[in-house]
Amino acid sequence: MLSARSYLLPASLAMFVWLGGCAGQPQVDERERLLDLAADVEAQGDAVTAAAMYERAAEMSPDDPSVALRLGNARLASNDFSGAAKAFRAVLADDIDHPEALLGLGTAQLRQGETEAAARNLGRAAMRLNQRTAWTRLGIAEAMLGDGEQAAQAFTHALALAPNDPDAQTNLALAESLAGDQQRALARMQQVCDSPLAESRHYRNLLLVMVLAGQAKAARYVEIPDLPAAQRKALIERAGEIRRIADPSQRARAMGLVAGPSSGDSV
C-alpha cells in the first residue's frame, strides 16, 4: 500500500509540471490582465496610464483591432492626438471602412486642426454609425470650416437622436445662426432656455444668438437667472465682437459649440 507521501512530487518536479502546463498561456493571460486593469484605470479618469497599458497589450496582440481601438480612444482622452491617429490608422489599414476607427481618426484630426480631413472621415463614420457623437463631431468640423448649412444638417441628425437634449438644440441654433438664419436660431435658443434643463451655458448662448440677430439692446434686459450685471455686460460685448467677424470659419471658432456633459466631446 502506498503512503500519502508516495503521492507527493519533488518540489522541483512539481514546478516543472506547473510551468509546462501554462507555457502556452502566460502571454494571453498577461494581455487580458492588462486590458482589465487598463479599463479600470481608465474608468477612474487616468487616461495616460491606461494608454500605456493598452499600448503594451497592443504589442502583444498586433492583429487585434479591438485593442488598437482602445489604445486610440485612451490616447484621445489623454490629448495625444497624433498617437491616437496612429492607432486608428492601424485599424483602418486592415478594414478601411471600420466605423469606430473612422470616428476616432476624424476626431483626432479635428483636435489637431486638420479640419477638412476630419470632416471627410467623420462624415463616413456618422453615416455608418448614426450615433449622436459622430453627428455632433461632424457638425463641429463643418462649423469650423465655416459651412453653417452643412453643420446644421449634421446637428439636425444629432438632435433627432436626442430630441430633448438642450446641448444638441443649442448646437443646432448656433449653426443656424452661422448659416444666417438668425430668427430660427433665436426661436430655438428661447425654447432651450424655457426648458427646466437649461443651464448657465445655454443662457450665455441665448445672449450670443440675440446679439448675432441684431438684438443687443434686448439682450440687456432678457431674464437670465443668477447672472451678475457685469458678467452680462461682458458677454454682450464679446458677442458684439463675434458679430463683427466677417469670415464664417473664424466666427464659428469664436462662437464655440456646446459639448455637453455626456457627449464625450469638447470644443
Protein backbone atom coordinates (compact mmCIF):
# COMPACT_ATOMS: atom_id res chain seq x y z
CA MET A 1 0.00 0.00 0.00
CA LEU A 2 1.32 3.35 -0.94
CA SER A 3 1.61 6.00 1.73
CA ALA A 4 0.34 9.55 1.35
CA ARG A 5 3.96 10.65 0.99
CA SER A 6 4.29 8.45 -2.14
CA TYR A 7 1.84 10.72 -3.99
CA LEU A 8 3.91 13.87 -3.46
CA LEU A 9 6.16 15.08 -6.27
CA PRO A 10 9.51 16.68 -5.50
CA ALA A 11 9.20 20.44 -5.40
CA SER A 12 11.41 20.95 -8.47
CA LEU A 13 9.40 18.43 -10.49
CA ALA A 14 6.09 19.96 -9.40
CA MET A 15 7.25 23.39 -10.51
CA PHE A 16 8.33 21.95 -13.86
CA VAL A 17 4.91 20.37 -14.42
CA TRP A 18 3.11 23.66 -13.49
CA LEU A 19 5.23 25.72 -15.84
CA GLY A 20 4.86 23.18 -18.63
CA GLY A 21 1.09 23.20 -18.32
CA CYS A 22 0.97 27.02 -18.56
CA ALA A 23 3.60 27.52 -21.24
CA GLY A 24 1.05 28.42 -23.89
CA GLN A 25 -0.95 30.75 -21.72
CA PRO A 26 1.22 33.38 -20.00
CA GLN A 27 1.15 35.95 -22.79
CA VAL A 28 -2.61 35.63 -23.30
CA ASP A 29 -3.22 35.83 -19.57
CA GLU A 30 -0.99 38.88 -19.22
CA ARG A 31 -2.74 40.63 -22.10
CA GLU A 32 -6.17 40.01 -20.58
CA ARG A 33 -4.91 41.18 -17.20
CA LEU A 34 -3.51 44.35 -18.79
CA LEU A 35 -6.77 45.03 -20.62
CA ASP A 36 -8.85 44.58 -17.46
CA LEU A 37 -6.51 46.74 -15.43
CA ALA A 38 -6.36 49.42 -18.14
CA ALA A 39 -10.15 49.55 -18.28
CA ASP A 40 -10.32 50.01 -14.50
CA VAL A 41 -7.69 52.76 -14.56
CA GLU A 42 -9.43 54.46 -17.49
CA ALA A 43 -12.75 54.39 -15.64
CA GLN A 44 -11.05 56.24 -12.79
CA GLY A 45 -10.02 59.02 -15.18
CA ASP A 46 -6.32 58.20 -15.64
CA ALA A 47 -6.20 58.02 -19.44
CA VAL A 48 -2.41 58.42 -19.62
CA THR A 49 -1.70 55.30 -17.55
CA ALA A 50 -4.48 53.41 -19.35
CA ALA A 51 -2.95 54.30 -22.72
CA ALA A 52 0.42 52.92 -21.64
CA MET A 53 -1.24 49.65 -20.63
CA TYR A 54 -3.23 49.42 -23.85
CA GLU A 55 -0.04 50.08 -25.80
CA ARG A 56 1.65 47.12 -24.13
CA ALA A 57 -1.40 44.94 -24.78
CA ALA A 58 -1.43 46.03 -28.43
CA GLU A 59 2.20 45.00 -28.79
CA MET A 60 1.22 41.56 -27.52
CA SER A 61 -1.71 41.26 -29.96
CA PRO A 62 -0.91 43.35 -33.06
CA ASP A 63 -3.68 41.69 -35.09
CA ASP A 64 -6.50 42.52 -32.66
CA PRO A 65 -8.28 45.70 -33.82
CA SER A 66 -10.28 45.98 -30.59
CA VAL A 67 -7.09 46.60 -28.61
CA ALA A 68 -5.89 49.23 -31.10
CA LEU A 69 -9.28 50.96 -30.80
CA ARG A 70 -9.00 51.05 -27.01
CA LEU A 71 -5.49 52.43 -27.34
CA GLY A 72 -6.64 55.13 -29.76
CA ASN A 73 -9.51 56.22 -27.53
CA ALA A 74 -7.29 56.34 -24.46
CA ARG A 75 -4.79 58.48 -26.34
CA LEU A 76 -7.60 60.79 -27.40
CA ALA A 77 -8.65 61.15 -23.78
CA SER A 78 -5.07 61.96 -22.78
CA ASN A 79 -4.73 64.58 -25.56
CA ASP A 80 -2.19 62.51 -27.50
CA PHE A 81 -3.88 63.20 -30.81
CA SER A 82 -1.06 62.15 -33.12
CA GLY A 83 -0.68 58.88 -31.19
CA ALA A 84 -4.43 58.33 -31.35
CA ALA A 85 -4.44 58.88 -35.11
CA LYS A 86 -1.66 56.31 -35.50
CA ALA A 87 -3.64 53.71 -33.55
CA PHE A 88 -6.83 54.30 -35.54
CA ARG A 89 -4.93 54.17 -38.84
CA ALA A 90 -3.59 50.75 -37.83
CA VAL A 91 -7.17 49.50 -37.62
CA LEU A 92 -8.15 51.12 -40.92
CA ALA A 93 -5.16 49.54 -42.65
CA ASP A 94 -6.95 46.19 -42.28
CA ASP A 95 -10.54 47.45 -42.51
CA ILE A 96 -10.79 50.72 -44.43
CA ASP A 97 -14.47 51.19 -43.52
CA HIS A 98 -14.23 50.41 -39.80
CA PRO A 99 -16.74 52.94 -38.40
CA GLU A 100 -15.30 53.31 -34.91
CA ALA A 101 -11.81 53.81 -36.30
CA LEU A 102 -13.13 56.40 -38.77
CA LEU A 103 -14.78 58.22 -35.86
CA GLY A 104 -11.59 58.10 -33.83
CA LEU A 105 -9.34 59.22 -36.66
CA GLY A 106 -11.70 62.04 -37.61
CA THR A 107 -11.81 63.18 -34.01
CA ALA A 108 -8.02 63.15 -33.71
CA GLN A 109 -7.72 65.13 -36.93
CA LEU A 110 -10.29 67.64 -35.69
CA ARG A 111 -8.33 68.16 -32.46
CA GLN A 112 -5.12 68.66 -34.48
CA GLY A 113 -6.69 71.29 -36.72
CA GLU A 114 -6.88 69.05 -39.80
CA THR A 115 -10.48 70.12 -40.27
CA GLU A 116 -11.11 69.14 -43.89
CA ALA A 117 -9.74 65.64 -43.36
CA ALA A 118 -11.71 65.41 -40.13
CA ALA A 119 -14.98 66.33 -41.85
CA ARG A 120 -14.42 63.69 -44.52
CA ASN A 121 -13.75 60.87 -42.05
CA LEU A 122 -16.39 61.98 -39.56
CA GLY A 123 -18.93 62.09 -42.37
CA ARG A 124 -18.13 58.48 -43.24
CA ALA A 125 -18.35 57.47 -39.59
CA ALA A 126 -21.64 59.29 -39.00
CA MET A 127 -23.31 57.62 -41.97
CA ARG A 128 -22.25 54.18 -40.77
CA LEU A 129 -22.80 54.59 -37.03
CA ASN A 130 -25.74 57.01 -36.93
CA GLN A 131 -24.72 57.99 -33.40
CA ARG A 132 -25.19 61.35 -31.76
CA THR A 133 -21.48 61.65 -31.00
CA ALA A 134 -20.49 61.10 -34.62
CA TRP A 135 -23.03 63.60 -35.97
CA THR A 136 -22.05 66.16 -33.34
CA ARG A 137 -18.36 65.94 -34.18
CA LEU A 138 -19.16 66.18 -37.88
CA GLY A 139 -21.23 69.29 -37.18
CA ILE A 140 -18.33 70.81 -35.26
CA ALA A 141 -15.96 70.11 -38.16
CA GLU A 142 -18.35 71.65 -40.71
CA ALA A 143 -18.82 74.69 -38.49
CA MET A 144 -15.05 75.09 -38.13
CA LEU A 145 -14.91 75.11 -41.93
CA GLY A 146 -17.45 77.94 -41.88
CA ASP A 147 -20.21 75.92 -43.52
CA GLY A 148 -23.20 76.68 -41.33
CA GLU A 149 -25.69 74.85 -43.57
CA GLN A 150 -23.74 71.58 -43.51
CA ALA A 151 -23.15 71.97 -39.79
CA ALA A 152 -26.88 72.48 -39.25
CA GLN A 153 -27.65 69.31 -41.22
CA ALA A 154 -25.28 67.28 -39.04
CA PHE A 155 -26.63 68.77 -35.83
CA THR A 156 -30.18 68.05 -37.02
CA HIS A 157 -29.26 64.36 -37.18
CA ALA A 158 -27.74 64.58 -33.69
CA LEU A 159 -30.86 66.28 -32.36
CA ALA A 160 -33.08 63.59 -33.87
CA LEU A 161 -31.22 61.06 -31.72
CA ALA A 162 -31.55 63.20 -28.57
CA PRO A 163 -34.62 65.41 -29.13
CA ASN A 164 -34.84 66.70 -25.55
CA ASP A 165 -31.18 67.45 -25.08
CA PRO A 166 -30.54 71.20 -24.67
CA ASP A 167 -26.93 70.90 -25.85
CA ALA A 168 -28.00 69.29 -29.12
CA GLN A 169 -30.58 72.04 -29.60
CA THR A 170 -28.02 74.74 -28.79
CA ASN A 171 -25.51 73.38 -31.29
CA LEU A 172 -28.18 73.45 -33.99
CA ALA A 173 -29.16 77.01 -33.06
CA LEU A 174 -25.54 78.17 -33.30
CA ALA A 175 -25.15 76.50 -36.68
CA GLU A 176 -28.36 78.14 -37.89
CA SER A 177 -27.03 81.49 -36.76
CA LEU A 178 -23.77 80.82 -38.58
CA ALA A 179 -25.77 80.00 -41.71
CA GLY A 180 -27.58 83.34 -41.44
CA ASP A 181 -30.94 82.01 -40.25
CA GLN A 182 -30.99 84.29 -37.21
CA GLN A 183 -34.71 84.16 -36.44
CA ARG A 184 -34.82 80.38 -36.42
CA ALA A 185 -31.71 80.29 -34.23
CA LEU A 186 -33.22 82.82 -31.82
CA ALA A 187 -36.51 80.94 -31.55
CA ARG A 188 -34.65 77.70 -30.87
CA MET A 189 -32.50 79.24 -28.13
CA GLN A 190 -35.53 80.77 -26.46
CA GLN A 191 -37.10 77.32 -26.45
CA VAL A 192 -33.92 75.85 -24.92
CA CYS A 193 -33.89 78.44 -22.15
CA ASP A 194 -37.57 77.88 -21.38
CA SER A 195 -36.73 74.26 -20.52
CA PRO A 196 -36.13 73.24 -16.90
CA LEU A 197 -32.97 71.52 -18.20
CA ALA A 198 -31.36 74.83 -19.19
CA GLU A 199 -28.03 75.62 -17.54
CA SER A 200 -25.85 78.71 -17.43
CA ARG A 201 -24.07 77.86 -20.71
CA HIS A 202 -27.41 77.80 -22.51
CA TYR A 203 -28.35 81.24 -21.22
CA ARG A 204 -24.96 82.57 -22.31
CA ASN A 205 -25.59 81.23 -25.79
CA LEU A 206 -29.02 82.88 -25.80
CA LEU A 207 -27.30 86.23 -25.30
CA LEU A 208 -24.87 85.40 -28.10
CA VAL A 209 -27.62 84.46 -30.55
CA MET A 210 -29.63 87.55 -29.62
CA VAL A 211 -26.68 89.83 -30.36
CA LEU A 212 -25.91 88.00 -33.61
CA ALA A 213 -29.55 88.52 -34.58
CA GLY A 214 -29.17 92.27 -34.03
CA GLN A 215 -30.96 92.33 -30.68
CA ALA A 216 -28.15 93.59 -28.45
CA LYS A 217 -30.45 96.05 -26.69
CA ALA A 218 -32.99 93.37 -25.85
CA ALA A 219 -30.15 91.14 -24.59
CA ARG A 220 -29.52 93.66 -21.80
CA TYR A 221 -32.96 93.01 -20.33
CA VAL A 222 -33.84 89.40 -21.12
CA GLU A 223 -34.40 87.43 -17.92
CA ILE A 224 -31.43 85.22 -17.08
CA PRO A 225 -31.17 83.68 -13.61
CA ASP A 226 -28.07 84.16 -11.45
CA LEU A 227 -26.17 86.30 -13.95
CA PRO A 228 -24.44 89.36 -12.45
CA ALA A 229 -24.82 92.58 -14.40
CA ALA A 230 -21.09 92.90 -15.02
CA GLN A 231 -20.91 89.41 -16.48
CA ARG A 232 -23.93 90.06 -18.69
CA LYS A 233 -22.28 93.22 -19.99
CA ALA A 234 -19.04 91.36 -20.74
CA LEU A 235 -20.90 88.59 -22.57
CA ILE A 236 -22.82 91.08 -24.70
CA GLU A 237 -19.63 92.94 -25.58
CA ARG A 238 -17.93 89.70 -26.55
CA ALA A 239 -20.94 88.72 -28.67
CA GLY A 240 -20.68 92.07 -30.43
CA GLU A 241 -17.06 91.35 -31.28
CA ILE A 242 -18.06 87.97 -32.71
CA ARG A 243 -20.79 89.59 -34.80
CA ARG A 244 -18.18 91.82 -36.41
CA ILE A 245 -16.11 88.83 -37.57
CA ALA A 246 -16.74 88.54 -41.31
CA ASP A 247 -15.05 85.20 -42.02
CA PRO A 248 -17.53 82.36 -41.26
CA SER A 249 -14.79 79.94 -40.15
CA GLN A 250 -13.27 82.43 -37.73
CA ARG A 251 -16.71 83.39 -36.47
CA ALA A 252 -17.56 79.73 -35.82
CA ARG A 253 -14.37 79.25 -33.83
CA ALA A 254 -15.16 82.34 -31.78
CA MET A 255 -18.74 81.22 -31.18
CA GLY A 256 -17.85 77.82 -29.84
CA LEU A 257 -20.19 74.87 -29.63
CA VAL A 258 -21.63 73.03 -26.66
CA ALA A 259 -20.05 69.66 -25.97
CA GLY A 260 -22.45 68.73 -23.17
CA PRO A 261 -21.81 66.66 -20.05
CA SER A 262 -22.45 63.28 -21.63
CA SER A 263 -21.47 63.61 -25.27
CA GLY A 264 -17.78 62.96 -24.81
CA ASP A 265 -16.86 65.93 -26.86
CA SER A 266 -15.08 69.16 -26.21
CA VAL A 267 -14.52 72.12 -28.45
